[in-house]
Protein backbone atom coordinates (compact mmCIF):
# COMPACT_ATOMS: atom_id res chain seq x y z
CA UNK A 1 119.75 107.91 -106.27
CA UNK A 2 116.86 107.39 -108.73
CA UNK A 3 115.71 110.53 -110.51
CA UNK A 4 111.94 110.93 -110.31
CA UNK A 5 110.31 110.90 -113.72
CA UNK A 6 106.99 111.73 -115.38
CA UNK A 7 105.26 109.26 -117.69
CA UNK A 8 102.35 110.14 -120.01
CA UNK A 9 100.21 107.20 -121.14
CA UNK A 10 98.08 107.68 -124.27
CA UNK A 11 95.09 105.67 -125.47
CA UNK A 12 94.68 106.57 -129.17
CA UNK A 13 91.28 107.04 -130.81
CA UNK A 14 89.97 104.38 -133.18
CA UNK A 15 88.55 105.46 -136.51
CA UNK A 16 84.99 104.15 -136.83
CA UNK A 17 83.27 105.16 -140.05
CA UNK A 18 79.68 106.38 -139.87
CA UNK A 19 78.48 103.45 -142.00
CA UNK A 20 80.07 100.94 -139.59
CA UNK A 21 77.64 99.04 -137.33
CA UNK A 22 80.07 99.55 -134.45
CA UNK A 23 79.34 103.29 -134.56
CA UNK A 24 75.93 102.34 -133.10
CA UNK A 25 76.66 99.43 -130.75
CA UNK A 26 80.23 100.12 -129.60
CA UNK A 27 81.22 100.33 -125.93
CA UNK A 28 83.61 102.90 -124.45
CA UNK A 29 85.95 101.07 -122.11
CA UNK A 30 88.65 102.49 -119.85
CA UNK A 31 92.22 101.68 -120.96
CA UNK A 32 92.72 99.29 -118.04
CA UNK A 33 96.20 98.25 -119.12
CA UNK A 34 97.46 101.83 -119.14
CA UNK A 35 95.67 102.65 -115.88
CA UNK A 36 97.33 99.65 -114.25
CA UNK A 37 100.78 100.67 -115.50
CA UNK A 38 100.19 104.23 -114.26
CA UNK A 39 99.31 102.89 -110.80
CA UNK A 40 102.49 100.80 -110.70
CA UNK A 41 104.62 103.73 -111.89
CA UNK A 42 103.19 106.03 -109.24
CA UNK A 43 103.78 103.41 -106.54
CA UNK A 44 107.49 103.73 -107.29
CA UNK A 45 107.36 107.42 -106.38
CA UNK A 46 107.14 108.81 -109.91
CA UNK A 47 104.32 110.82 -111.52
CA UNK A 48 102.06 109.95 -114.43
CA UNK A 49 99.22 111.18 -116.58
CA UNK A 50 96.74 109.27 -118.76
CA UNK A 51 95.28 110.84 -121.89
CA UNK A 52 92.33 108.77 -123.06
CA UNK A 53 92.07 110.31 -126.50
CA UNK A 54 89.55 107.64 -127.54
CA UNK A 55 86.99 108.52 -124.87
CA UNK A 56 87.68 112.26 -125.08
CA UNK A 57 87.65 112.27 -128.93
CA UNK A 58 90.89 114.24 -129.11
CA UNK A 59 92.85 115.16 -132.22
CA UNK A 60 96.63 114.80 -132.39
CA UNK A 61 97.04 118.52 -131.72
CA UNK A 62 94.71 118.37 -128.72
CA UNK A 63 96.68 115.42 -127.34
CA UNK A 64 99.96 117.30 -127.71
CA UNK A 65 98.48 120.34 -125.93
CA UNK A 66 97.73 118.18 -122.88
CA UNK A 67 101.25 116.77 -122.55
CA UNK A 68 103.40 118.20 -119.78
CA UNK A 69 106.65 119.33 -121.48
CA UNK A 70 108.58 118.11 -118.43
CA UNK A 71 107.96 114.47 -119.34
CA UNK A 72 110.50 111.69 -119.63
CA UNK A 73 108.46 108.94 -121.30
CA UNK A 74 105.32 108.69 -123.38
CA UNK A 75 103.63 105.31 -123.72
CA UNK A 76 101.12 104.65 -126.49
CA UNK A 77 99.08 101.46 -126.64
CA UNK A 78 97.60 100.18 -129.90
CA UNK A 79 95.57 97.38 -131.39
CA UNK A 80 95.63 96.89 -135.16
CA UNK A 81 92.71 99.26 -135.95
CA UNK A 82 94.35 101.90 -133.73
CA UNK A 83 97.90 101.65 -135.06
CA UNK A 84 97.64 104.36 -137.73
CA UNK A 85 96.23 106.74 -135.14
CA UNK A 86 98.97 105.76 -132.67
CA UNK A 87 101.62 106.31 -135.35
CA UNK A 88 100.27 109.78 -136.16
CA UNK A 89 100.33 110.68 -132.47
CA UNK A 90 103.92 109.44 -132.10
CA UNK A 91 105.08 111.46 -135.11
CA UNK A 92 103.32 114.58 -133.87
CA UNK A 93 104.91 114.25 -130.43
CA UNK A 94 108.35 113.69 -131.96
CA UNK A 95 108.16 117.04 -133.78
CA UNK A 96 107.16 119.04 -130.71
CA UNK A 97 108.97 117.11 -127.96
CA UNK A 98 112.04 115.46 -129.55
CA UNK A 99 113.61 114.93 -126.09
CA UNK A 100 110.82 112.62 -124.84
CA UNK A 101 111.31 108.87 -125.28
CA UNK A 102 108.33 107.28 -127.01
CA UNK A 103 107.34 103.74 -126.04
CA UNK A 104 104.64 101.65 -127.71
CA UNK A 105 102.91 98.51 -126.51
CA UNK A 106 99.88 96.36 -127.18
CA UNK A 107 99.09 93.56 -129.58
CA UNK A 108 100.00 95.22 -132.89
CA UNK A 109 103.32 96.70 -131.68
CA UNK A 110 104.18 93.32 -130.14
CA UNK A 111 103.84 91.67 -133.56
CA UNK A 112 105.63 94.42 -135.52
CA UNK A 113 108.10 95.45 -132.82
CA UNK A 114 111.22 95.39 -134.96
CA UNK A 115 109.65 97.35 -137.84
CA UNK A 116 108.22 100.11 -135.63
CA UNK A 117 111.52 100.68 -133.83
CA UNK A 118 113.72 100.50 -136.94
CA UNK A 119 111.41 102.96 -138.75
CA UNK A 120 111.86 105.31 -135.76
CA UNK A 121 108.12 105.54 -135.13
CA UNK A 122 109.07 105.01 -131.49
CA UNK A 123 112.18 104.46 -129.41
CA UNK A 124 111.05 101.25 -127.72
CA UNK A 125 108.41 98.52 -127.93
CA UNK A 126 107.24 96.62 -124.87
CA UNK A 127 106.29 93.18 -126.12
CA UNK A 128 103.54 91.18 -124.41
CA UNK A 129 102.81 92.25 -120.82
CA UNK A 130 104.09 95.59 -119.55
CA UNK A 131 104.08 95.26 -115.74
CA UNK A 132 107.61 93.85 -115.37
CA UNK A 133 108.94 96.46 -117.79
CA UNK A 134 107.37 99.41 -115.97
CA UNK A 135 108.71 98.24 -112.60
CA UNK A 136 112.25 97.85 -113.93
CA UNK A 137 112.16 101.14 -115.84
CA UNK A 138 110.94 102.94 -112.71
CA UNK A 139 113.83 101.42 -110.76
CA UNK A 140 116.38 102.74 -113.27
CA UNK A 141 117.33 99.33 -114.70
CA UNK A 142 119.54 99.63 -117.82
CA UNK A 143 117.54 98.98 -120.98
CA UNK A 144 119.59 95.99 -122.06
CA UNK A 145 118.58 94.18 -118.85
CA UNK A 146 114.81 94.64 -119.23
CA UNK A 147 112.97 91.60 -120.70
CA UNK A 148 110.28 91.98 -123.40
CA UNK A 149 111.92 95.15 -124.72
CA UNK A 150 112.80 96.00 -128.30
CA UNK A 151 114.76 99.26 -128.48
CA UNK A 152 117.22 101.34 -130.47
CA UNK A 153 120.65 102.16 -129.05
CA UNK A 154 122.76 105.27 -129.69
CA UNK A 155 124.25 103.65 -132.78
CA UNK A 156 120.66 103.27 -134.13
CA UNK A 157 120.89 99.49 -133.89
CA UNK A 158 117.69 97.64 -133.06
CA UNK A 159 118.15 95.49 -129.95
CA UNK A 160 115.67 92.71 -129.16
CA UNK A 161 115.90 91.69 -125.52
CA UNK A 162 114.82 88.17 -124.47
CA UNK A 163 111.24 87.45 -123.45
CA UNK A 164 110.41 87.49 -119.75
CA UNK A 165 110.50 84.08 -118.09
CA UNK A 166 107.62 84.89 -115.75
CA UNK A 167 104.24 86.57 -116.06
CA UNK A 168 102.51 88.91 -113.64
CA UNK A 169 100.62 87.56 -110.63
CA UNK A 170 97.28 89.30 -111.07
CA UNK A 171 96.55 89.25 -107.34
CA UNK A 172 99.68 91.26 -106.54
CA UNK A 173 98.92 94.11 -108.93
CA UNK A 174 97.38 97.39 -107.74
CA UNK A 175 93.96 98.50 -108.89
CA UNK A 176 93.96 100.67 -112.04
CA UNK A 177 94.47 104.42 -111.54
CA UNK A 178 90.83 105.28 -112.20
CA UNK A 179 91.34 108.77 -110.77
CA UNK A 180 93.34 109.65 -113.88
CA UNK A 181 90.51 108.69 -116.27
CA UNK A 182 87.31 110.42 -117.48
CA UNK A 183 85.12 107.88 -115.69
CA UNK A 184 81.86 109.59 -116.68
CA UNK A 185 82.48 108.74 -120.35
CA UNK A 186 82.69 104.95 -120.06
CA UNK A 187 79.80 102.63 -120.83
CA UNK A 188 79.11 99.06 -121.93
CA UNK A 189 78.16 98.04 -125.46
CA UNK A 190 74.56 98.61 -126.52
CA UNK A 191 72.34 96.08 -124.78
CA UNK A 192 75.11 94.68 -122.58
CA UNK A 193 74.13 96.62 -119.44
CA UNK A 194 70.81 96.99 -117.68
CA UNK A 195 72.00 99.67 -115.30
CA UNK A 196 74.20 102.72 -115.50
CA UNK A 197 76.86 103.73 -114.69
CA UNK A 198 78.41 100.56 -116.11
CA UNK A 199 82.04 99.74 -116.77
CA UNK A 200 84.21 96.96 -118.16
CA UNK A 201 86.52 94.82 -116.03
CA UNK A 202 89.03 92.07 -116.85
CA UNK A 203 89.79 89.44 -114.19
CA UNK A 204 91.97 86.96 -116.09
CA UNK A 205 94.54 86.72 -118.84
CA UNK A 206 94.48 84.05 -121.50
CA UNK A 207 91.86 81.81 -123.08
CA UNK A 208 91.36 78.03 -123.26
CA UNK A 209 90.53 78.29 -126.96
CA UNK A 210 93.14 78.18 -129.72
CA UNK A 211 91.03 79.66 -132.52
CA UNK A 212 92.91 80.64 -135.65
CA UNK A 213 91.48 84.18 -135.59
CA UNK A 214 92.75 85.04 -132.07
CA UNK A 215 96.26 86.07 -131.03
CA UNK A 216 97.07 84.20 -127.82
CA UNK A 217 100.77 85.05 -127.65
CA UNK A 218 100.48 88.12 -125.41
CA UNK A 219 99.87 86.39 -122.10
CA UNK A 220 101.62 83.04 -122.30
CA UNK A 221 100.24 79.52 -122.55
CA UNK A 222 98.68 79.31 -119.08
CA UNK A 223 95.52 81.15 -118.06
CA UNK A 224 95.88 83.31 -114.96
CA UNK A 225 93.02 84.39 -112.73
CA UNK A 226 92.33 87.07 -110.18
CA UNK A 227 91.07 85.61 -106.91
CA UNK A 228 87.35 86.05 -106.12
CA UNK A 229 88.22 88.06 -102.99
CA UNK A 230 90.34 90.48 -105.03
CA UNK A 231 87.54 90.88 -107.60
CA UNK A 232 85.11 91.70 -104.78
CA UNK A 233 87.50 94.38 -103.49
CA UNK A 234 87.72 95.83 -107.01
CA UNK A 235 83.92 95.94 -107.35
CA UNK A 236 83.54 97.58 -103.94
CA UNK A 237 86.09 100.24 -104.94
CA UNK A 238 84.18 101.03 -108.13
CA UNK A 239 80.90 101.22 -106.27
CA UNK A 240 82.22 103.41 -103.45
CA UNK A 241 84.15 105.90 -105.61
CA UNK A 242 82.20 105.95 -108.87
CA UNK A 243 78.74 104.60 -108.05
CA UNK A 244 79.17 101.79 -110.59
CA UNK A 245 76.00 99.69 -110.75
CA UNK A 246 76.95 97.20 -113.44
CA UNK A 247 80.09 95.33 -114.51
CA UNK A 248 80.76 93.92 -117.98
CA UNK A 249 83.39 91.23 -117.51
CA UNK A 250 85.45 91.34 -120.70
CA UNK A 251 87.65 88.32 -119.96
CA UNK A 252 88.15 86.26 -123.12
CA UNK A 253 86.31 83.42 -121.36
CA UNK A 254 85.03 84.42 -117.93
CA UNK A 255 83.77 80.92 -117.07
CA UNK A 256 87.01 79.03 -117.77
CA UNK A 257 87.61 78.47 -114.06
CA UNK A 258 84.19 77.32 -112.86
CA UNK A 259 85.34 77.06 -109.24
CA UNK A 260 86.54 80.67 -109.30
CA UNK A 261 83.25 81.91 -110.76
CA UNK A 262 81.19 79.91 -108.25
CA UNK A 263 83.21 81.31 -105.36
CA UNK A 264 82.83 84.85 -106.70
CA UNK A 265 79.07 84.39 -107.00
CA UNK A 266 78.82 83.06 -103.45
CA UNK A 267 80.78 86.04 -102.11
CA UNK A 268 78.46 88.45 -103.95
CA UNK A 269 75.48 86.72 -102.35
CA UNK A 270 76.94 86.34 -98.86
CA UNK A 271 77.98 90.00 -98.71
CA UNK A 272 74.75 91.18 -100.35
CA UNK A 273 76.60 93.22 -102.93
CA UNK A 274 74.06 94.75 -105.28
CA UNK A 275 75.62 94.64 -108.72
CA UNK A 276 74.32 93.41 -112.05
CA UNK A 277 76.78 91.97 -114.54
CA UNK A 278 77.40 90.25 -117.85
CA UNK A 279 80.30 88.24 -119.24
CA UNK A 280 81.81 86.39 -122.21
CA UNK A 281 81.85 82.59 -122.23
CA UNK A 282 82.45 79.57 -124.41
CA UNK A 283 79.58 77.11 -124.70
CA UNK A 284 81.83 74.31 -123.41
CA UNK A 285 82.63 76.10 -120.13
CA UNK A 286 79.17 76.33 -118.52
CA UNK A 287 76.91 73.93 -116.61
CA UNK A 288 73.27 74.24 -115.51
CA UNK A 289 74.35 74.50 -111.87
CA UNK A 290 76.90 77.24 -112.51
CA UNK A 291 74.47 79.24 -114.62
CA UNK A 292 71.78 79.09 -111.93
CA UNK A 293 74.26 80.40 -109.36
CA UNK A 294 75.46 83.15 -111.71
CA UNK A 295 71.88 84.31 -112.22
CA UNK A 296 71.27 84.42 -108.49
CA UNK A 297 74.43 86.50 -108.05
CA UNK A 298 73.38 89.17 -110.57
CA UNK A 299 74.38 87.89 -114.02
CA UNK A 300 71.73 88.87 -116.56
CA UNK A 301 73.54 88.29 -119.87
CA UNK A 302 76.22 86.05 -121.37
CA UNK A 303 77.86 86.52 -124.74
CA UNK A 304 78.72 83.21 -126.38
CA UNK A 305 81.10 83.07 -129.34
CA UNK A 306 79.08 80.78 -131.60
CA UNK A 307 80.79 82.09 -134.78
CA UNK A 308 78.88 79.71 -137.10
CA UNK A 309 76.69 76.58 -136.90
CA UNK A 310 78.59 75.08 -139.85
CA UNK A 311 80.72 72.22 -138.46
CA UNK A 312 83.19 72.28 -141.35
CA UNK A 313 83.95 75.96 -140.82
CA UNK A 314 84.18 75.48 -137.05
CA UNK A 315 86.91 72.91 -137.67
CA UNK A 316 88.74 75.19 -140.10
CA UNK A 317 88.94 78.00 -137.54
CA UNK A 318 89.85 75.48 -134.82
CA UNK A 319 86.96 76.54 -132.59
CA UNK A 320 86.82 73.10 -130.94
CA UNK A 321 83.11 73.24 -130.15
CA UNK A 322 80.07 71.69 -131.81
CA UNK A 323 76.52 72.80 -132.67
CA UNK A 324 75.27 70.27 -130.09
CA UNK A 325 77.16 72.21 -127.43
CA UNK A 326 75.53 75.39 -128.78
CA UNK A 327 72.09 73.94 -128.13
CA UNK A 328 73.00 72.68 -124.65
CA UNK A 329 74.37 76.07 -123.58
CA UNK A 330 71.37 77.91 -125.02
CA UNK A 331 68.92 75.57 -123.27
CA UNK A 332 70.73 75.79 -119.91
CA UNK A 333 71.20 79.58 -120.09
CA UNK A 334 67.58 80.24 -120.96
CA UNK A 335 66.48 77.87 -118.19
CA UNK A 336 68.55 79.98 -115.77
CA UNK A 337 66.74 83.07 -117.14
CA UNK A 338 69.96 84.67 -118.32
CA UNK A 339 69.79 86.54 -121.62
CA UNK A 340 72.03 85.38 -124.45
CA UNK A 341 74.09 87.64 -126.68
CA UNK A 342 75.48 85.69 -129.61
CA UNK A 343 78.66 86.54 -131.51
CA UNK A 344 78.93 85.34 -135.12
CA UNK A 345 81.48 85.53 -137.93
CA UNK A 346 80.84 85.83 -141.64
CA UNK A 347 83.46 85.25 -144.33
CA UNK A 348 85.56 82.55 -142.68
CA UNK A 349 87.65 80.05 -144.70
CA UNK A 350 85.28 77.73 -146.56
CA UNK A 351 82.37 80.17 -146.33
CA UNK A 352 79.55 80.04 -148.90
CA UNK A 353 76.27 81.85 -149.36
CA UNK A 354 74.56 78.79 -147.95
CA UNK A 355 76.70 78.71 -144.79
CA UNK A 356 76.21 82.42 -144.15
CA UNK A 357 72.48 82.10 -144.64
CA UNK A 358 72.59 79.21 -142.17
CA UNK A 359 74.37 81.43 -139.63
CA UNK A 360 71.76 84.18 -139.92
CA UNK A 361 68.87 81.73 -139.60
CA UNK A 362 70.48 80.14 -136.55
CA UNK A 363 70.85 83.55 -134.88
CA UNK A 364 67.21 84.42 -135.59
CA UNK A 365 65.83 81.11 -134.29
CA UNK A 366 68.05 80.54 -131.24
CA UNK A 367 66.13 82.79 -128.87
CA UNK A 368 68.97 85.31 -128.53
CA UNK A 369 68.43 88.67 -126.87
CA UNK A 370 71.07 90.28 -129.06
CA UNK A 371 73.45 89.23 -131.83
CA UNK A 372 76.74 90.66 -133.03
CA UNK A 373 77.86 89.79 -136.56
CA UNK A 374 81.48 90.42 -137.55
CA UNK A 375 83.35 89.84 -140.77
CA UNK A 376 86.18 87.38 -140.09
CA UNK A 377 89.28 89.52 -139.62
CA UNK A 378 92.83 88.04 -139.69
CA UNK A 379 94.64 90.19 -137.16
CA UNK A 380 98.44 90.18 -137.35
CA UNK A 381 99.98 87.49 -135.17
CA UNK A 382 97.09 85.06 -135.57
CA UNK A 383 97.35 81.73 -137.36
CA UNK A 384 94.73 82.96 -139.82
CA UNK A 385 96.80 86.03 -140.72
CA UNK A 386 99.98 84.00 -141.16
CA UNK A 387 98.26 81.42 -143.39
CA UNK A 388 96.67 83.96 -145.73
CA UNK A 389 99.61 86.39 -145.79
CA UNK A 390 101.97 83.54 -146.74
CA UNK A 391 99.92 82.76 -149.84
CA UNK A 392 99.28 86.40 -150.72
CA UNK A 393 95.56 86.04 -150.03
CA UNK A 394 94.91 89.17 -147.99
CA UNK A 395 92.92 91.81 -149.86
CA UNK A 396 94.93 94.68 -148.34
CA UNK A 397 97.04 95.88 -145.40
CA UNK A 398 95.04 99.00 -144.56
CA UNK A 399 94.99 98.54 -140.79
CA UNK A 400 92.16 101.07 -140.35
CA UNK A 401 89.87 98.62 -142.16
CA UNK A 402 90.75 95.67 -139.91
CA UNK A 403 87.63 96.71 -138.02
CA UNK A 404 85.40 93.59 -138.18
CA UNK A 405 83.19 95.29 -140.77
CA UNK A 406 85.28 94.91 -143.95
CA UNK A 407 86.35 91.76 -145.84
CA UNK A 408 90.09 91.12 -145.59
CA UNK A 409 90.44 87.50 -146.68
CA UNK A 410 90.61 86.56 -150.35
CA UNK A 411 88.47 83.43 -150.21
CA UNK A 412 88.32 80.67 -152.84
CA UNK A 413 84.66 79.95 -152.17
CA UNK A 414 83.01 83.38 -152.24
CA UNK A 415 83.72 87.00 -153.21
CA UNK A 416 84.34 89.78 -150.72
CA UNK A 417 81.35 91.64 -152.18
CA UNK A 418 79.00 88.79 -151.27
CA UNK A 419 80.46 88.63 -147.76
CA UNK A 420 79.74 92.35 -147.34
CA UNK A 421 76.21 91.81 -148.60
CA UNK A 422 75.54 89.14 -146.02
CA UNK A 423 77.10 91.28 -143.30
CA UNK A 424 74.52 94.01 -143.90
CA UNK A 425 71.80 91.39 -144.38
CA UNK A 426 72.60 89.79 -141.01
CA UNK A 427 71.91 92.97 -139.05
CA UNK A 428 68.88 93.85 -141.15
CA UNK A 429 67.31 90.41 -140.79
CA UNK A 430 68.01 90.08 -137.08
CA UNK A 431 67.28 93.55 -135.71
CA UNK A 432 64.58 94.90 -138.00
CA UNK A 433 62.17 92.01 -137.42
CA UNK A 434 58.84 93.18 -135.97
CA UNK A 435 59.02 90.41 -133.35
CA UNK A 436 62.44 91.62 -132.16
CA UNK A 437 61.26 95.22 -131.83
CA UNK A 438 58.02 94.12 -130.12
CA UNK A 439 59.86 92.02 -127.53
CA UNK A 440 62.26 94.82 -126.64
CA UNK A 441 59.52 97.41 -126.28
CA UNK A 442 57.77 95.25 -123.68
CA UNK A 443 60.93 93.99 -121.97
CA UNK A 444 62.51 97.29 -120.97
CA UNK A 445 62.94 98.05 -117.28
CA UNK A 446 62.88 101.86 -117.48
CA UNK A 447 62.03 104.82 -119.71
CA UNK A 448 65.74 105.56 -120.20
CA UNK A 449 66.32 102.00 -121.41
CA UNK A 450 63.38 102.27 -123.82
CA UNK A 451 64.73 105.54 -125.21
CA UNK A 452 68.20 104.01 -125.58
CA UNK A 453 66.92 101.07 -127.62
CA UNK A 454 64.62 103.24 -129.73
CA UNK A 455 67.48 105.60 -130.56
CA UNK A 456 69.82 102.72 -131.37
CA UNK A 457 67.30 100.97 -133.61
CA UNK A 458 66.63 104.21 -135.45
CA UNK A 459 70.36 104.74 -136.02
CA UNK A 460 70.76 101.16 -137.18
CA UNK A 461 67.87 101.50 -139.62
CA UNK A 462 69.38 104.66 -141.11
CA UNK A 463 72.80 103.02 -141.29
CA UNK A 464 71.47 99.92 -143.05
CA UNK A 465 69.50 102.04 -145.49
CA UNK A 466 72.64 104.03 -146.29
CA UNK A 467 74.56 100.82 -146.96
CA UNK A 468 71.70 99.54 -149.08
CA UNK A 469 71.56 102.53 -151.42
CA UNK A 470 75.25 103.46 -151.43
CA UNK A 471 76.58 99.98 -152.12
CA UNK A 472 73.52 98.62 -153.97
CA UNK A 473 73.82 95.51 -151.88
CA UNK A 474 70.41 93.98 -152.40
């Protein structure tokens, strides 16, 4: 007979400094991966709890105070910028609850699984996807028979189990356990949503791109999609239970499967589902016909990962798109009357002052509604990280600063100080233009939206001024 167990899932807070642009524009998304695992665990007859310490802004002590002492497992997810916070939480739990098994998962633990287990930060690491693991653990499967698991046995030996041969079928998974989350605290990134309440959703796993700055090893080589009918059911659940009025689709590339997207749009129209939405896309995955249908079905904004208009740099980061495709996508998207949010990178291999200036000018002149500028960050597991770590060309290994706002790469062509200068310059030049402010004042749909933008622009102005005087950047 299986003993019923309690599992506590923890989403650690991410440290965002006050002088970081993301302190102004950042979204607050539900930990969908943890909520999905909690739903699966509960389906097996066990009990679970989710502590979203990021949304709730909890300290380590406050997290510990919320943990039920009668708990068998604690699972902590972590990306690279969250790993120091996750480690502190794990150590704090170990002191108070030494009997509880601590499990970590997510991108960073997947890459450094052996180190984290051997250093006794945790007892186990779930590499890659966690659905198969949680099902087998709930069923009482011996640890040595669970794929994707790195663990420590009673002799303190680190055991690395084989990778799973199969990946999860997204259509057979339950909906996330939203009832365990502080749903009132979630919101889309600044400017990404026209209506509130808004929330993020992911409908696929994987990406057609093989960019050097992305880690694609988590979800296998093939892209998997949720069926349009299942997505509709998910949207209807969110509307009925939480009055959600807008969805931000955070798939790496939402428009990879054009047929899927077209079918989803047609279902939204046929069933007269009133929902506005935005998504991420590559410029080589859209057509004029698809964009027109997306607009009709409620899409009001697309974020394209342009990165840079410099063709040499695009090739170096293996983006596999061209500036001509930029212009086509921009023309088609504007013709469909969908707003464009552009994502750009500064400080990539081969970068110069001239190329960064070119990126900023492109962003200003492309007719974008919003722009996000990031400093190229080599996350562990990516080809970019491996290349620069192998030649000792990373400036540091302070994971807290792998936050898209600090230079990490030691470039041959430009100093990290100049990269930081252009990072601040990019936001100043794009957002503090009189024409940008004028357009947004007259384009708002409500008083609340006007107040939101005014507050954000004020914060951004103060932030940029602080960077200007503190770092003497210009």
